[in-house]
């Protein structure tokens, strides 16, 4: 008589083996998913081992990490564009409002240091790194100029702000500033009218200076021309223009026996 235990084991043998194989396959798949990770284009990955940054940032593509003990954090290293609305005081204590649009990119090689010191993902970089330096630079530059100067030299001041922001960020060396645009300047209406009047006056002054310069150049030209003319030159100019019909022509300068009176041509005076 066959034992019940033996019968049960014999009937479940193939199923047990299949279950074991499936368990091994699933385990390997899980292990593989924990070992291989993909870094998208335009990103780098910081690998941490039990919370500590390990090695250099990983480049885009397939990468390997130790399962269970290592984790990854992605950082976007593409150019970011962030508009920042701000208000600040000018040198003459006037309030201005505008928008500063900064273009920046995180340095890929600095991803590990950024993770260790200031941000665990790229969304934290702007508020913790860019924004404080940008606002500091804006206040520093605009406080040096009066409102009228700011309104009339807006482009030049934008370049100064960009240089100041880049200077501030170089202290940390986390990111590079690729550009900065200032737009949407808002000032009080009464100051806007004063600025327009100043621009009109400057244009009128420039026009007057230009007219004076032109007049001086014309005077010098005529003075040079007059100093180069003598009787022989004038006589040559007359002959070049003479049509052969004029009855009286000037006497040849310096001719012997000629007192400077006109020469009669064809017997007519």
C-alpha atoms as a PDB file:
ATOM      1  CA  UNK A   1       0.000   0.000   0.000  1.00  0.00           C
ATOM      2  CA  UNK A   2       1.387   3.411  -1.042  1.00  0.00           C
ATOM      3  CA  UNK A   3       2.006   5.956   1.707  1.00  0.00           C
ATOM      4  CA  UNK A   4      -0.215   9.102   1.526  1.00  0.00           C
ATOM      5  CA  UNK A   5       2.838  11.290   2.145  1.00  0.00           C
ATOM      6  CA  UNK A   6       4.694   9.725  -0.716  1.00  0.00           C
ATOM      7  CA  UNK A   7       1.698  10.143  -2.996  1.00  0.00           C
ATOM      8  CA  UNK A   8       1.409  13.820  -2.151  1.00  0.00           C
ATOM      9  CA  UNK A   9       5.093  14.473  -2.752  1.00  0.00           C
ATOM     10  CA  UNK A  10       5.024  12.624  -5.995  1.00  0.00           C
ATOM     11  CA  UNK A  11       2.058  14.523  -7.371  1.00  0.00           C
ATOM     12  CA  UNK A  12       3.386  17.976  -6.323  1.00  0.00           C
ATOM     13  CA  UNK A  13       6.967  17.492  -7.451  1.00  0.00           C
ATOM     14  CA  UNK A  14       6.784  19.224 -10.884  1.00  0.00           C
ATOM     15  CA  UNK A  15       4.720  22.099  -9.465  1.00  0.00           C
ATOM     16  CA  UNK A  16       7.210  22.698  -6.694  1.00  0.00           C
ATOM     17  CA  UNK A  17      10.098  22.814  -9.145  1.00  0.00           C
ATOM     18  CA  UNK A  18       8.219  25.253 -11.386  1.00  0.00           C
ATOM     19  CA  UNK A  19       7.417  27.491  -8.444  1.00  0.00           C
ATOM     20  CA  UNK A  20      11.055  27.447  -7.399  1.00  0.00           C
ATOM     21  CA  UNK A  21      12.202  28.398 -10.898  1.00  0.00           C
ATOM     22  CA  UNK A  22       9.701  31.248 -11.054  1.00  0.00           C
ATOM     23  CA  UNK A  23      10.837  32.464  -7.652  1.00  0.00           C
ATOM     24  CA  UNK A  24      14.459  32.441  -8.804  1.00  0.00           C
ATOM     25  CA  UNK A  25      13.589  34.318 -12.032  1.00  0.00           C
ATOM     26  CA  UNK A  26      11.599  36.944 -10.140  1.00  0.00           C
ATOM     27  CA  UNK A  27      14.403  37.310  -7.627  1.00  0.00           C
ATOM     28  CA  UNK A  28      16.963  37.772 -10.400  1.00  0.00           C
ATOM     29  CA  UNK A  29      14.733  40.329 -12.125  1.00  0.00           C
ATOM     30  CA  UNK A  30      14.375  42.277  -8.897  1.00  0.00           C
ATOM     31  CA  UNK A  31      18.111  42.043  -8.288  1.00  0.00           C
ATOM     32  CA  UNK A  32      18.827  43.232 -11.832  1.00  0.00           C
ATOM     33  CA  UNK A  33      16.433  46.155 -11.466  1.00  0.00           C
ATOM     34  CA  UNK A  34      18.226  47.124  -8.278  1.00  0.00           C
ATOM     35  CA  UNK A  35      21.629  46.817  -9.938  1.00  0.00           C
ATOM     36  CA  UNK A  36      21.215  48.504 -13.335  1.00  0.00           C
ATOM     37  CA  UNK A  37      19.804  52.023 -13.613  1.00  0.00           C
ATOM     38  CA  UNK A  38      19.397  54.412 -16.536  1.00  0.00           C
ATOM     39  CA  UNK A  39      20.479  58.065 -16.435  1.00  0.00           C
ATOM     40  CA  UNK A  40      18.444  60.127 -18.960  1.00  0.00           C
ATOM     41  CA  UNK A  41      20.143  62.486 -21.406  1.00  0.00           C
ATOM     42  CA  UNK A  42      20.774  65.937 -19.952  1.00  0.00           C
ATOM     43  CA  UNK A  43      21.140  64.549 -16.423  1.00  0.00           C
ATOM     44  CA  UNK A  44      23.766  63.123 -14.113  1.00  0.00           C
ATOM     45  CA  UNK A  45      23.211  60.786 -11.188  1.00  0.00           C
ATOM     46  CA  UNK A  46      24.722  60.958  -7.715  1.00  0.00           C
ATOM     47  CA  UNK A  47      25.225  57.530  -6.138  1.00  0.00           C
ATOM     48  CA  UNK A  48      25.122  57.204  -2.359  1.00  0.00           C
ATOM     49  CA  UNK A  49      26.194  54.181  -0.331  1.00  0.00           C
ATOM     50  CA  UNK A  50      24.275  54.011   2.934  1.00  0.00           C
ATOM     51  CA  UNK A  51      23.706  57.764   2.642  1.00  0.00           C
ATOM     52  CA  UNK A  52      27.282  58.733   1.729  1.00  0.00           C
ATOM     53  CA  UNK A  53      28.161  60.084  -1.732  1.00  0.00           C
ATOM     54  CA  UNK A  54      30.210  57.496  -3.606  1.00  0.00           C
ATOM     55  CA  UNK A  55      32.434  58.164  -6.610  1.00  0.00           C
ATOM     56  CA  UNK A  56      31.914  60.696  -9.352  1.00  0.00           C
ATOM     57  CA  UNK A  57      28.502  61.617 -10.852  1.00  0.00           C
ATOM     58  CA  UNK A  58      27.265  59.031 -13.342  1.00  0.00           C
ATOM     59  CA  UNK A  59      26.787  60.113 -16.967  1.00  0.00           C
ATOM     60  CA  UNK A  60      23.715  59.457 -19.166  1.00  0.00           C
ATOM     61  CA  UNK A  61      23.157  55.834 -20.178  1.00  0.00           C
ATOM     62  CA  UNK A  62      23.117  52.488 -18.376  1.00  0.00           C
ATOM     63  CA  UNK A  63      24.968  52.341 -15.051  1.00  0.00           C
ATOM     64  CA  UNK A  64      25.490  49.784 -12.311  1.00  0.00           C
ATOM     65  CA  UNK A  65      25.130  50.133  -8.557  1.00  0.00           C
ATOM     66  CA  UNK A  66      25.188  47.774  -5.626  1.00  0.00           C
ATOM     67  CA  UNK A  67      21.633  46.620  -4.852  1.00  0.00           C
ATOM     68  CA  UNK A  68      19.980  47.429  -1.550  1.00  0.00           C
ATOM     69  CA  UNK A  69      22.884  49.488  -0.172  1.00  0.00           C
ATOM     70  CA  UNK A  70      23.212  52.127  -2.906  1.00  0.00           C
ATOM     71  CA  UNK A  71      20.687  54.743  -4.060  1.00  0.00           C
ATOM     72  CA  UNK A  72      20.713  57.319  -6.866  1.00  0.00           C
ATOM     73  CA  UNK A  73      19.586  60.947  -7.191  1.00  0.00           C
ATOM     74  CA  UNK A  74      19.220  62.657 -10.585  1.00  0.00           C
ATOM     75  CA  UNK A  75      20.310  66.228 -11.329  1.00  0.00           C
ATOM     76  CA  UNK A  76      19.346  68.101 -14.497  1.00  0.00           C
ATOM     77  CA  UNK A  77      22.413  69.786 -16.021  1.00  0.00           C
ATOM     78  CA  UNK A  78      20.643  71.409 -18.988  1.00  0.00           C
ATOM     79  CA  UNK A  79      20.215  75.191 -19.240  1.00  0.00           C
ATOM     80  CA  UNK A  80      17.475  76.434 -16.942  1.00  0.00           C
ATOM     81  CA  UNK A  81      15.522  79.681 -17.475  1.00  0.00           C
ATOM     82  CA  UNK A  82      13.936  81.271 -14.410  1.00  0.00           C
ATOM     83  CA  UNK A  83      12.122  84.648 -14.278  1.00  0.00           C
ATOM     84  CA  UNK A  84      12.365  86.501 -10.977  1.00  0.00           C
ATOM     85  CA  UNK A  85      10.129  89.491 -10.190  1.00  0.00           C
ATOM     86  CA  UNK A  86      11.819  91.892  -7.820  1.00  0.00           C
ATOM     87  CA  UNK A  87      11.588  95.364  -6.314  1.00  0.00           C
ATOM     88  CA  UNK A  88      14.482  97.408  -4.975  1.00  0.00           C
ATOM     89  CA  UNK A  89      15.603 100.937  -4.095  1.00  0.00           C
ATOM     90  CA  UNK A  90      17.670 103.225  -6.305  1.00  0.00           C
ATOM     91  CA  UNK A  91      20.410 105.585  -5.161  1.00  0.00           C
ATOM     92  CA  UNK A  92      17.868 108.422  -4.831  1.00  0.00           C
ATOM     93  CA  UNK A  93      15.601 106.102  -2.776  1.00  0.00           C
ATOM     94  CA  UNK A  94      13.023 105.462  -5.495  1.00  0.00           C
ATOM     95  CA  UNK A  95      11.299 102.098  -5.691  1.00  0.00           C
ATOM     96  CA  UNK A  96      11.504 100.239  -8.988  1.00  0.00           C
ATOM     97  CA  UNK A  97      10.008  96.912 -10.029  1.00  0.00           C
ATOM     98  CA  UNK A  98      11.133  94.666 -12.873  1.00  0.00           C
ATOM     99  CA  UNK A  99      11.700  91.059 -13.920  1.00  0.00           C
ATOM    100  CA  UNK A 100      15.126  89.429 -14.046  1.00  0.00           C
ATOM    101  CA  UNK A 101      15.267  86.303 -16.205  1.00  0.00           C
ATOM    102  CA  UNK A 102      18.422  84.340 -15.478  1.00  0.00           C
ATOM    103  CA  UNK A 103      19.791  81.494 -17.594  1.00  0.00           C
ATOM    104  CA  UNK A 104      22.028  79.059 -15.777  1.00  0.00           C
ATOM    105  CA  UNK A 105      23.241  75.470 -15.808  1.00  0.00           C
ATOM    106  CA  UNK A 106      24.521  73.260 -13.038  1.00  0.00           C
ATOM    107  CA  UNK A 107      28.090  72.024 -13.420  1.00  0.00           C
ATOM    108  CA  UNK A 108      27.890  68.228 -13.882  1.00  0.00           C
ATOM    109  CA  UNK A 109      31.124  67.557 -11.998  1.00  0.00           C
ATOM    110  CA  UNK A 110      29.778  69.406  -8.941  1.00  0.00           C
ATOM    111  CA  UNK A 111      26.644  67.278  -8.512  1.00  0.00           C
ATOM    112  CA  UNK A 112      28.144  65.260  -5.668  1.00  0.00           C
ATOM    113  CA  UNK A 113      29.281  68.339  -3.772  1.00  0.00           C
ATOM    114  CA  UNK A 114      25.888  69.978  -4.284  1.00  0.00           C
ATOM    115  CA  UNK A 115      24.180  66.864  -2.895  1.00  0.00           C
ATOM    116  CA  UNK A 116      26.451  66.859   0.159  1.00  0.00           C
ATOM    117  CA  UNK A 117      26.274  70.558   0.958  1.00  0.00           C
ATOM    118  CA  UNK A 118      23.144  72.267  -0.295  1.00  0.00           C
ATOM    119  CA  UNK A 119      20.540  70.322  -2.307  1.00  0.00           C
ATOM    120  CA  UNK A 120      19.443  66.710  -2.685  1.00  0.00           C
ATOM    121  CA  UNK A 121      17.688  67.358  -6.012  1.00  0.00           C
ATOM    122  CA  UNK A 122      17.896  69.931  -8.813  1.00  0.00           C
ATOM    123  CA  UNK A 123      14.612  71.624  -7.836  1.00  0.00           C
ATOM    124  CA  UNK A 124      16.352  73.024  -4.751  1.00  0.00           C
ATOM    125  CA  UNK A 125      19.232  74.626  -6.646  1.00  0.00           C
ATOM    126  CA  UNK A 126      17.428  77.794  -7.755  1.00  0.00           C
ATOM    127  CA  UNK A 127      15.924  78.818  -4.375  1.00  0.00           C
ATOM    128  CA  UNK A 128      19.052  77.880  -2.428  1.00  0.00           C
ATOM    129  CA  UNK A 129      21.828  78.941  -4.807  1.00  0.00           C
ATOM    130  CA  UNK A 130      20.657  81.186  -7.674  1.00  0.00           C
ATOM    131  CA  UNK A 131      17.910  83.281  -6.113  1.00  0.00           C
ATOM    132  CA  UNK A 132      19.875  84.637  -3.102  1.00  0.00           C
ATOM    133  CA  UNK A 133      22.832  85.619  -5.277  1.00  0.00           C
ATOM    134  CA  UNK A 134      20.542  87.178  -7.913  1.00  0.00           C
ATOM    135  CA  UNK A 135      18.635  89.343  -5.430  1.00  0.00           C
ATOM    136  CA  UNK A 136      21.868  90.404  -3.727  1.00  0.00           C
ATOM    137  CA  UNK A 137      23.369  91.453  -7.068  1.00  0.00           C
ATOM    138  CA  UNK A 138      20.235  93.364  -8.105  1.00  0.00           C
ATOM    139  CA  UNK A 139      20.159  95.398  -4.894  1.00  0.00           C
ATOM    140  CA  UNK A 140      23.909  96.010  -5.028  1.00  0.00           C
ATOM    141  CA  UNK A 141      23.874  97.358  -8.609  1.00  0.00           C
ATOM    142  CA  UNK A 142      20.661  99.409  -8.545  1.00  0.00           C
ATOM    143  CA  UNK A 143      21.601 101.113  -5.269  1.00  0.00           C
ATOM    144  CA  UNK A 144      24.525 102.757  -7.100  1.00  0.00           C
ATOM    145  CA  UNK A 145      22.402 104.617  -9.686  1.00  0.00           C
ATOM    146  CA  UNK A 146      19.662 107.204  -9.646  1.00  0.00           C
ATOM    147  CA  UNK A 147      16.321 106.408 -11.239  1.00  0.00           C
ATOM    148  CA  UNK A 148      16.892 108.588 -14.320  1.00  0.00           C
ATOM    149  CA  UNK A 149      20.203 106.869 -15.044  1.00  0.00           C
ATOM    150  CA  UNK A 150      18.658 103.425 -14.607  1.00  0.00           C
ATOM    151  CA  UNK A 151      15.858 104.187 -17.067  1.00  0.00           C
ATOM    152  CA  UNK A 152      18.159 105.648 -19.726  1.00  0.00           C
ATOM    153  CA  UNK A 153      20.988 103.090 -19.387  1.00  0.00           C
ATOM    154  CA  UNK A 154      18.896  99.974 -18.856  1.00  0.00           C
ATOM    155  CA  UNK A 155      20.910  97.695 -21.175  1.00  0.00           C
ATOM    156  CA  UNK A 156      24.255  98.624 -19.673  1.00  0.00           C
ATOM    157  CA  UNK A 157      22.958  98.054 -16.163  1.00  0.00           C
ATOM    158  CA  UNK A 158      21.637  94.635 -17.208  1.00  0.00           C
ATOM    159  CA  UNK A 159      25.183  93.651 -18.161  1.00  0.00           C
ATOM    160  CA  UNK A 160      26.484  94.868 -14.798  1.00  0.00           C
ATOM    161  CA  UNK A 161      23.877  92.782 -12.973  1.00  0.00           C
ATOM    162  CA  UNK A 162      24.848  89.678 -14.955  1.00  0.00           C
ATOM    163  CA  UNK A 163      28.521  90.203 -14.108  1.00  0.00           C
ATOM    164  CA  UNK A 164      27.657  90.697 -10.438  1.00  0.00           C
ATOM    165  CA  UNK A 165      25.507  87.540 -10.304  1.00  0.00           C
ATOM    166  CA  UNK A 166      28.259  85.508 -11.971  1.00  0.00           C
ATOM    167  CA  UNK A 167      30.767  86.924  -9.487  1.00  0.00           C
ATOM    168  CA  UNK A 168      28.585  85.910  -6.539  1.00  0.00           C
ATOM    169  CA  UNK A 169      28.029  82.394  -7.869  1.00  0.00           C
ATOM    170  CA  UNK A 170      31.721  81.862  -8.562  1.00  0.00           C
ATOM    171  CA  UNK A 171      32.233  81.925  -4.805  1.00  0.00           C
ATOM    172  CA  UNK A 172      30.386  78.588  -4.611  1.00  0.00           C
ATOM    173  CA  UNK A 173      31.259  77.256  -8.089  1.00  0.00           C
ATOM    174  CA  UNK A 174      28.058  75.212  -8.354  1.00  0.00           C
ATOM    175  CA  UNK A 175      26.602  76.663 -11.558  1.00  0.00           C
ATOM    176  CA  UNK A 176      27.479  78.816 -14.569  1.00  0.00           C
ATOM    177  CA  UNK A 177      25.460  81.901 -15.540  1.00  0.00           C
ATOM    178  CA  UNK A 178      24.758  81.906 -19.289  1.00  0.00           C
ATOM    179  CA  UNK A 179      22.682  85.068 -19.539  1.00  0.00           C
ATOM    180  CA  UNK A 180      20.446  87.535 -17.742  1.00  0.00           C
ATOM    181  CA  UNK A 181      17.703  89.796 -19.106  1.00  0.00           C
ATOM    182  CA  UNK A 182      16.002  92.661 -17.290  1.00  0.00           C
ATOM    183  CA  UNK A 183      12.493  93.504 -18.533  1.00  0.00           C
ATOM    184  CA  UNK A 184       9.285  95.189 -17.436  1.00  0.00           C
ATOM    185  CA  UNK A 185      10.714  98.199 -15.607  1.00  0.00           C
ATOM    186  CA  UNK A 186       7.962  99.904 -13.593  1.00  0.00           C
ATOM    187  CA  UNK A 187       8.353 103.375 -12.092  1.00  0.00           C
ATOM    188  CA  UNK A 188       6.041 106.122 -10.856  1.00  0.00           C
ATOM    189  CA  UNK A 189       4.347 108.153 -13.611  1.00  0.00           C
ATOM    190  CA  UNK A 190       5.732 111.524 -12.475  1.00  0.00           C
ATOM    191  CA  UNK A 191       9.295 110.199 -12.693  1.00  0.00           C
ATOM    192  CA  UNK A 192       8.609 108.718 -16.105  1.00  0.00           C
ATOM    193  CA  UNK A 193       7.658 112.187 -17.431  1.00  0.00           C
ATOM    194  CA  UNK A 194      10.845 113.667 -15.986  1.00  0.00           C
ATOM    195  CA  UNK A 195      12.915 110.959 -17.647  1.00  0.00           C
ATOM    196  CA  UNK A 196      11.295 111.625 -21.018  1.00  0.00           C
ATOM    197  CA  UNK A 197      12.046 115.343 -20.717  1.00  0.00           C
ATOM    198  CA  UNK A 198      15.674 114.577 -19.923  1.00  0.00           C
ATOM    199  CA  UNK A 199      15.956 112.321 -22.973  1.00  0.00           C
ATOM    200  CA  UNK A 200      14.473 115.041 -25.205  1.00  0.00           C
ATOM    201  CA  UNK A 201      16.920 117.621 -23.820  1.00  0.00           C
ATOM    202  CA  UNK A 202      19.871 115.264 -24.388  1.00  0.00           C
ATOM    203  CA  UNK A 203      18.791 114.654 -27.991  1.00  0.00           C
ATOM    204  CA  UNK A 204      18.480 118.394 -28.644  1.00  0.00           C
ATOM    205  CA  UNK A 205      21.923 118.990 -27.141  1.00  0.00           C
ATOM    206  CA  UNK A 206      23.419 116.238 -29.284  1.00  0.00           C
ATOM    207  CA  UNK A 207      21.799 117.698 -32.417  1.00  0.00           C
ATOM    208  CA  UNK A 208      23.169 121.164 -31.620  1.00  0.00           C
ATOM    209  CA  UNK A 209      26.663 119.773 -31.004  1.00  0.00           C
ATOM    210  CA  UNK A 210      26.513 117.930 -34.302  1.00  0.00           C
ATOM    211  CA  UNK A 211      25.494 121.087 -36.188  1.00  0.00           C
ATOM    212  CA  UNK A 212      28.359 123.051 -34.602  1.00  0.00           C
ATOM    213  CA  UNK A 213      30.808 120.327 -35.563  1.00  0.00           C
ATOM    214  CA  UNK A 214      29.580 120.339 -39.173  1.00  0.00           C
ATOM    215  CA  UNK A 215      29.875 124.146 -39.350  1.00  0.00           C
ATOM    216  CA  UNK A 216      33.437 124.027 -38.000  1.00  0.00           C
ATOM    217  CA  UNK A 217      34.411 121.413 -40.571  1.00  0.00           C
ATOM    218  CA  UNK A 218      32.908 123.496 -43.395  1.00  0.00           C
ATOM    219  CA  UNK A 219      34.775 126.601 -42.200  1.00  0.00           C
ATOM    220  CA  UNK A 220      38.068 124.675 -42.130  1.00  0.00           C
ATOM    221  CA  UNK A 221      37.410 123.323 -45.606  1.00  0.00           C
ATOM    222  CA  UNK A 222      36.812 126.805 -47.076  1.00  0.00           C
ATOM    223  CA  UNK A 223      39.802 128.191 -45.209  1.00  0.00           C
ATOM    224  CA  UNK A 224      42.019 125.458 -46.677  1.00  0.00           C
ATOM    225  CA  UNK A 225      40.596 126.079 -50.152  1.00  0.00           C
ATOM    226  CA  UNK A 226      41.132 129.847 -49.982  1.00  0.00           C
ATOM    227  CA  UNK A 227      44.707 129.485 -48.792  1.00  0.00           C
ATOM    228  CA  UNK A 228      45.507 127.209 -51.745  1.00  0.00           C
ATOM    229  CA  UNK A 229      44.145 129.592 -54.423  1.00  0.00           C
ATOM    230  CA  UNK A 230      46.356 132.089 -56.278  1.00  0.00           C
ATOM    231  CA  UNK A 231      46.081 133.931 -59.614  1.00  0.00           C
ATOM    232  CA  UNK A 232      47.518 131.091 -61.684  1.00  0.00           C
ATOM    233  CA  UNK A 233      45.195 128.527 -60.103  1.00  0.00           C
ATOM    234  CA  UNK A 234      42.216 130.805 -60.726  1.00  0.00           C
ATOM    235  CA  UNK A 235      43.331 131.369 -64.344  1.00  0.00           C
ATOM    236  CA  UNK A 236      43.634 127.601 -64.865  1.00  0.00           C
ATOM    237  CA  UNK A 237      40.153 127.058 -63.395  1.00  0.00           C
ATOM    238  CA  UNK A 238      38.787 129.741 -65.753  1.00  0.00           C
ATOM    239  CA  UNK A 239      40.348 128.144 -68.811  1.00  0.00           C
ATOM    240  CA  UNK A 240      38.999 124.738 -67.791  1.00  0.00           C
ATOM    241  CA  UNK A 241      35.499 126.199 -67.706  1.00  0.00           C
ATOM    242  CA  UNK A 242      35.839 128.626 -70.670  1.00  0.00           C
ATOM    243  CA  UNK A 243      33.461 127.807 -73.508  1.00  0.00           C
ATOM    244  CA  UNK A 244      35.459 129.767 -76.150  1.00  0.00           C
ATOM    245  CA  UNK A 245      32.607 132.241 -76.679  1.00  0.00           C
ATOM    246  CA  UNK A 246      33.345 134.773 -73.962  1.00  0.00           C
ATOM    247  CA  UNK A 247      34.706 138.035 -75.489  1.00  0.00           C
ATOM    248  CA  UNK A 248      36.944 139.054 -72.582  1.00  0.00           C
ATOM    249  CA  UNK A 249      39.188 136.744 -70.598  1.00  0.00           C
ATOM    250  CA  UNK A 250      41.620 137.491 -67.787  1.00  0.00           C
ATOM    251  CA  UNK A 251      45.214 138.217 -68.610  1.00  0.00           C
ATOM    252  CA  UNK A 252      47.708 135.441 -67.962  1.00  0.00           C
ATOM    253  CA  UNK A 253      49.137 136.061 -64.473  1.00  0.00           C
ATOM    254  CA  UNK A 254      52.828 136.932 -64.479  1.00  0.00           C
ATOM    255  CA  UNK A 255      52.984 137.521 -68.271  1.00  0.00           C
ATOM    256  CA  UNK A 256      55.598 140.076 -69.327  1.00  0.00           C
ATOM    257  CA  UNK A 257      54.231 143.519 -70.116  1.00  0.00           C
ATOM    258  CA  UNK A 258      50.793 142.661 -68.809  1.00  0.00           C
ATOM    259  CA  UNK A 259      49.500 144.882 -66.060  1.00  0.00           C
ATOM    260  CA  UNK A 260      46.672 142.579 -65.107  1.00  0.00           C
ATOM    261  CA  UNK A 261      44.033 144.056 -67.455  1.00  0.00           C
ATOM    262  CA  UNK A 262      41.716 141.755 -69.387  1.00  0.00           C
ATOM    263  CA  UNK A 263      42.597 140.425 -72.839  1.00  0.00           C
ATOM    264  CA  UNK A 264      40.249 141.335 -75.703  1.00  0.00           C
ATOM    265  CA  UNK A 265      39.171 138.418 -77.849  1.00  0.00           C
ATOM    266  CA  UNK A 266      37.738 138.932 -81.402  1.00  0.00           C
ATOM    267  CA  UNK A 267      38.052 142.700 -81.069  1.00  0.00           C
ATOM    268  CA  UNK A 268      35.182 142.988 -78.631  1.00  0.00           C
ATOM    269  CA  UNK A 269      35.152 144.369 -75.121  1.00  0.00           C
END
